[in-house]
Amino acid sequence: MYSRTQNENGSFNTRCLDCLMTIASCVDTEKELDEREAHHLCPEKALAQLLAQNRAAVIHAARN
């Protein structure tokens, strides 16, 4: 999820709501914002996925 804002000059900014990192600032089009957001590798989401995989592996190992 991202938070988009529009500047007074018509350009846009976007920020990741998970890690609060600014993904783009002063971008001219919403299409470019879409592209920048699509390429964002959020460290918070990556960590959450890693922890979930670790928990699943521990649970699986305990069952066997």
N, C-alpha and C. Protein backbone atom coordinates (compact mmCIF):
# COMPACT_ATOMS: atom_id res chain seq x y z
N MET A 1 0.84 -1.17 0.00
CA MET A 1 0.00 0.00 0.00
C MET A 1 0.89 1.24 0.00
N TYR A 2 0.44 2.23 -0.72
CA TYR A 2 1.22 3.45 -0.87
C TYR A 2 0.36 4.67 -0.60
N SER A 3 1.01 5.72 -0.16
CA SER A 3 0.35 7.00 0.04
C SER A 3 0.88 7.96 -1.02
N ARG A 4 -0.03 8.46 -1.83
CA ARG A 4 0.36 9.39 -2.90
C ARG A 4 -0.11 10.80 -2.55
N THR A 5 0.75 11.75 -2.85
CA THR A 5 0.38 13.16 -2.68
C THR A 5 0.76 13.91 -3.95
N GLN A 6 0.04 14.98 -4.20
CA GLN A 6 0.34 15.80 -5.36
C GLN A 6 0.90 17.14 -4.90
N ASN A 7 1.99 17.54 -5.52
CA ASN A 7 2.64 18.80 -5.19
C ASN A 7 1.93 19.97 -5.88
N GLU A 8 2.24 21.17 -5.44
CA GLU A 8 1.63 22.37 -6.01
C GLU A 8 1.91 22.51 -7.51
N ASN A 9 3.05 21.99 -7.97
CA ASN A 9 3.40 22.11 -9.38
C ASN A 9 2.79 20.99 -10.24
N GLY A 10 1.97 20.12 -9.63
CA GLY A 10 1.30 19.05 -10.37
C GLY A 10 2.03 17.72 -10.34
N SER A 11 3.27 17.69 -9.85
CA SER A 11 4.01 16.43 -9.77
C SER A 11 3.52 15.64 -8.56
N PHE A 12 3.96 14.38 -8.48
CA PHE A 12 3.48 13.49 -7.43
C PHE A 12 4.62 12.94 -6.58
N ASN A 13 4.28 12.55 -5.37
CA ASN A 13 5.17 11.83 -4.46
C ASN A 13 4.44 10.55 -4.05
N THR A 14 5.20 9.51 -3.72
CA THR A 14 4.59 8.30 -3.20
C THR A 14 5.47 7.72 -2.11
N ARG A 15 4.81 7.18 -1.08
CA ARG A 15 5.52 6.63 0.07
C ARG A 15 4.92 5.27 0.41
N CYS A 16 5.78 4.31 0.74
CA CYS A 16 5.35 2.98 1.15
C CYS A 16 4.79 3.08 2.57
N LEU A 17 3.59 2.56 2.78
CA LEU A 17 2.97 2.63 4.10
C LEU A 17 3.47 1.55 5.04
N ASP A 18 4.23 0.57 4.52
CA ASP A 18 4.80 -0.47 5.38
C ASP A 18 6.12 -0.02 5.99
N CYS A 19 7.03 0.49 5.16
CA CYS A 19 8.35 0.87 5.66
C CYS A 19 8.53 2.38 5.76
N LEU A 20 7.54 3.14 5.28
CA LEU A 20 7.55 4.61 5.29
C LEU A 20 8.64 5.22 4.43
N MET A 21 9.19 4.44 3.52
CA MET A 21 10.22 4.94 2.61
C MET A 21 9.56 5.74 1.49
N THR A 22 10.15 6.87 1.14
CA THR A 22 9.69 7.62 -0.01
C THR A 22 10.16 6.88 -1.26
N ILE A 23 9.21 6.46 -2.08
CA ILE A 23 9.52 5.68 -3.28
C ILE A 23 9.85 6.60 -4.44
N ALA A 24 9.13 7.71 -4.53
CA ALA A 24 9.38 8.66 -5.61
C ALA A 24 8.92 10.04 -5.16
N SER A 25 9.60 11.04 -5.66
CA SER A 25 9.17 12.42 -5.41
C SER A 25 9.34 13.22 -6.69
N CYS A 26 8.45 14.16 -6.88
CA CYS A 26 8.44 15.04 -8.05
C CYS A 26 8.33 14.26 -9.36
N VAL A 27 7.49 13.22 -9.36
CA VAL A 27 7.24 12.43 -10.56
C VAL A 27 6.09 13.08 -11.32
N ASP A 28 6.21 13.13 -12.64
CA ASP A 28 5.24 13.87 -13.45
C ASP A 28 3.92 13.15 -13.70
N THR A 29 3.93 11.81 -13.80
CA THR A 29 2.70 11.09 -14.16
C THR A 29 2.38 9.99 -13.16
N GLU A 30 1.10 9.66 -13.07
CA GLU A 30 0.70 8.56 -12.21
C GLU A 30 1.18 7.22 -12.77
N LYS A 31 1.34 7.13 -14.08
CA LYS A 31 1.89 5.91 -14.69
C LYS A 31 3.31 5.66 -14.18
N GLU A 32 4.11 6.71 -14.10
CA GLU A 32 5.46 6.57 -13.58
C GLU A 32 5.44 6.17 -12.09
N LEU A 33 4.48 6.69 -11.35
CA LEU A 33 4.33 6.29 -9.95
C LEU A 33 4.03 4.80 -9.85
N ASP A 34 3.13 4.31 -10.72
CA ASP A 34 2.81 2.88 -10.75
C ASP A 34 4.07 2.05 -10.98
N GLU A 35 4.90 2.49 -11.91
CA GLU A 35 6.14 1.77 -12.22
C GLU A 35 7.11 1.77 -11.04
N ARG A 36 7.26 2.92 -10.41
CA ARG A 36 8.16 3.01 -9.26
C ARG A 36 7.68 2.15 -8.10
N GLU A 37 6.37 2.17 -7.85
CA GLU A 37 5.82 1.36 -6.77
C GLU A 37 5.97 -0.13 -7.06
N ALA A 38 5.80 -0.52 -8.33
CA ALA A 38 5.92 -1.92 -8.72
C ALA A 38 7.34 -2.44 -8.51
N HIS A 39 8.33 -1.58 -8.58
CA HIS A 39 9.73 -1.98 -8.43
C HIS A 39 10.26 -1.83 -7.00
N HIS A 40 9.43 -1.34 -6.10
CA HIS A 40 9.86 -1.15 -4.71
C HIS A 40 9.98 -2.50 -4.00
N LEU A 41 11.12 -2.76 -3.41
CA LEU A 41 11.34 -3.95 -2.60
C LEU A 41 11.30 -3.51 -1.13
N CYS A 42 10.17 -3.70 -0.52
CA CYS A 42 9.95 -3.22 0.84
C CYS A 42 10.68 -4.12 1.84
N PRO A 43 11.61 -3.58 2.62
CA PRO A 43 12.33 -4.39 3.59
C PRO A 43 11.42 -4.92 4.69
N GLU A 44 10.38 -4.19 5.06
CA GLU A 44 9.44 -4.64 6.09
C GLU A 44 8.67 -5.87 5.61
N LYS A 45 8.20 -5.85 4.36
CA LYS A 45 7.47 -7.00 3.82
C LYS A 45 8.40 -8.19 3.67
N ALA A 46 9.62 -7.96 3.22
CA ALA A 46 10.59 -9.05 3.05
C ALA A 46 10.89 -9.71 4.39
N LEU A 47 11.06 -8.92 5.42
CA LEU A 47 11.32 -9.47 6.75
C LEU A 47 10.12 -10.25 7.26
N ALA A 48 8.93 -9.74 7.07
CA ALA A 48 7.71 -10.43 7.51
C ALA A 48 7.58 -11.77 6.80
N GLN A 49 7.88 -11.82 5.50
CA GLN A 49 7.81 -13.07 4.76
C GLN A 49 8.85 -14.06 5.25
N LEU A 50 10.04 -13.59 5.52
CA LEU A 50 11.10 -14.45 6.02
C LEU A 50 10.73 -15.04 7.38
N LEU A 51 10.19 -14.24 8.26
CA LEU A 51 9.78 -14.72 9.58
C LEU A 51 8.64 -15.72 9.47
N ALA A 52 7.70 -15.48 8.56
CA ALA A 52 6.59 -16.41 8.36
C ALA A 52 7.10 -17.75 7.83
N GLN A 53 8.05 -17.72 6.91
CA GLN A 53 8.63 -18.96 6.39
C GLN A 53 9.36 -19.71 7.49
N ASN A 54 10.07 -18.99 8.33
CA ASN A 54 10.81 -19.60 9.44
C ASN A 54 9.83 -20.27 10.41
N ARG A 55 8.73 -19.57 10.75
CA ARG A 55 7.73 -20.14 11.65
C ARG A 55 7.11 -21.40 11.05
N ALA A 56 6.82 -21.37 9.75
CA ALA A 56 6.23 -22.53 9.09
C ALA A 56 7.20 -23.72 9.11
N ALA A 57 8.48 -23.45 8.92
CA ALA A 57 9.49 -24.52 8.96
C ALA A 57 9.59 -25.12 10.36
N VAL A 58 9.54 -24.29 11.38
CA VAL A 58 9.61 -24.77 12.77
C VAL A 58 8.39 -25.63 13.09
N ILE A 59 7.21 -25.17 12.68
CA ILE A 59 5.99 -25.94 12.92
C ILE A 59 6.03 -27.28 12.19
N HIS A 60 6.49 -27.25 10.95
CA HIS A 60 6.60 -28.47 10.16
C HIS A 60 7.58 -29.45 10.80
N ALA A 61 8.69 -28.94 11.26
CA ALA A 61 9.71 -29.81 11.90
C ALA A 61 9.18 -30.40 13.20
N ALA A 62 8.39 -29.67 13.95
CA ALA A 62 7.84 -30.15 15.21
C ALA A 62 6.82 -31.26 14.98
N ARG A 63 6.12 -31.20 13.86
CA ARG A 63 5.12 -32.22 13.55
C ARG A 63 5.76 -33.54 13.12
N ASN A 64 6.95 -33.45 12.56
CA ASN A 64 7.61 -34.65 12.04
C ASN A 64 8.57 -35.15 13.04
